[in-house]
């Protein structure tokens, strides 16, 4: 398993930094790797849309008090 099978906490970043960092990390994914992003609840739709537009599959988890986890994989 790759180092990217872990959580990347983007909750301290605002737009557009969280989208840029999410895409940069997702682009390093190999087939079968999973990237989990922790983002602020108000940023979930922006990050998911950005990654989906760039050919990645995203699954959002249940929102926590302030953050939500997004599971990212390659669309292979």
Protein backbone atom coordinates (compact mmCIF):
# COMPACT_ATOMS: atom_id res chain seq x y z
CA UNK A 1 0.00 0.00 0.00
CA UNK A 2 1.08 3.49 -0.77
CA UNK A 3 1.80 6.29 1.66
CA UNK A 4 -1.32 7.96 0.31
CA UNK A 5 -3.60 5.42 2.01
CA UNK A 6 -3.97 7.90 4.85
CA UNK A 7 -5.78 11.07 5.83
CA UNK A 8 -4.78 14.46 4.46
CA UNK A 9 -6.16 17.21 6.71
CA UNK A 10 -7.13 20.23 4.61
CA UNK A 11 -9.42 21.76 7.21
CA UNK A 12 -7.04 24.63 7.94
CA UNK A 13 -7.01 25.84 4.31
CA UNK A 14 -9.48 28.02 2.47
CA UNK A 15 -10.39 28.29 -1.17
CA UNK A 16 -8.65 27.75 -3.53
CA UNK A 17 -5.77 26.22 -1.55
CA UNK A 18 -7.75 23.20 -0.32
CA UNK A 19 -8.81 22.37 -3.91
CA UNK A 20 -5.27 22.73 -5.22
CA UNK A 21 -3.76 20.56 -2.48
CA UNK A 22 -6.51 17.95 -2.86
CA UNK A 23 -5.92 17.67 -6.61
CA UNK A 24 -2.12 17.52 -6.20
CA UNK A 25 -2.45 14.65 -3.71
CA UNK A 26 -5.05 12.83 -5.82
CA UNK A 27 -2.82 13.00 -8.89
CA UNK A 28 -0.23 10.94 -6.99
CA UNK A 29 -2.68 8.06 -6.47
CA UNK A 30 -1.90 4.77 -8.13
CA UNK A 31 -4.65 2.37 -9.11
CA UNK A 32 -6.09 0.85 -5.94
CA UNK A 33 -4.79 3.59 -3.65
CA UNK A 34 -7.21 5.51 -1.45
CA UNK A 35 -6.83 9.10 -0.30
CA UNK A 36 -8.99 10.40 2.52
CA UNK A 37 -9.39 14.15 2.76
CA UNK A 38 -10.60 15.96 5.87
CA UNK A 39 -12.21 19.23 4.81
CA UNK A 40 -14.44 21.86 6.39
CA UNK A 41 -18.13 21.16 5.86
CA UNK A 42 -18.59 24.31 3.79
CA UNK A 43 -15.86 23.19 1.35
CA UNK A 44 -17.07 19.64 0.61
CA UNK A 45 -19.04 20.42 -2.54
CA UNK A 46 -16.23 22.57 -4.01
CA UNK A 47 -13.54 19.94 -3.40
CA UNK A 48 -15.70 17.05 -4.66
CA UNK A 49 -16.70 18.97 -7.80
CA UNK A 50 -13.07 19.94 -8.51
CA UNK A 51 -11.83 16.35 -8.13
CA UNK A 52 -14.73 14.87 -10.08
CA UNK A 53 -14.11 17.32 -12.94
CA UNK A 54 -10.52 16.06 -12.97
CA UNK A 55 -11.57 12.41 -13.36
CA UNK A 56 -11.45 11.22 -9.73
CA UNK A 57 -14.14 9.30 -7.84
CA UNK A 58 -15.24 10.84 -4.52
CA UNK A 59 -17.39 9.47 -1.72
CA UNK A 60 -18.33 11.76 1.13
CA UNK A 61 -18.77 10.48 4.64
CA UNK A 62 -21.23 11.71 7.22
CA UNK A 63 -20.40 15.25 8.34
CA UNK A 64 -18.88 15.73 11.76
CA UNK A 65 -19.38 18.92 13.75
CA UNK A 66 -17.04 21.01 11.57
CA UNK A 67 -15.47 18.64 9.04
CA UNK A 68 -16.30 15.87 6.57
CA UNK A 69 -14.14 13.04 5.25
CA UNK A 70 -13.95 12.53 1.49
CA UNK A 71 -12.67 9.21 0.11
CA UNK A 72 -10.87 9.72 -3.22
CA UNK A 73 -9.89 7.06 -5.76
CA UNK A 74 -8.85 7.05 -9.39
CA UNK A 75 -11.47 6.49 -12.09
CA UNK A 76 -9.60 3.58 -13.71
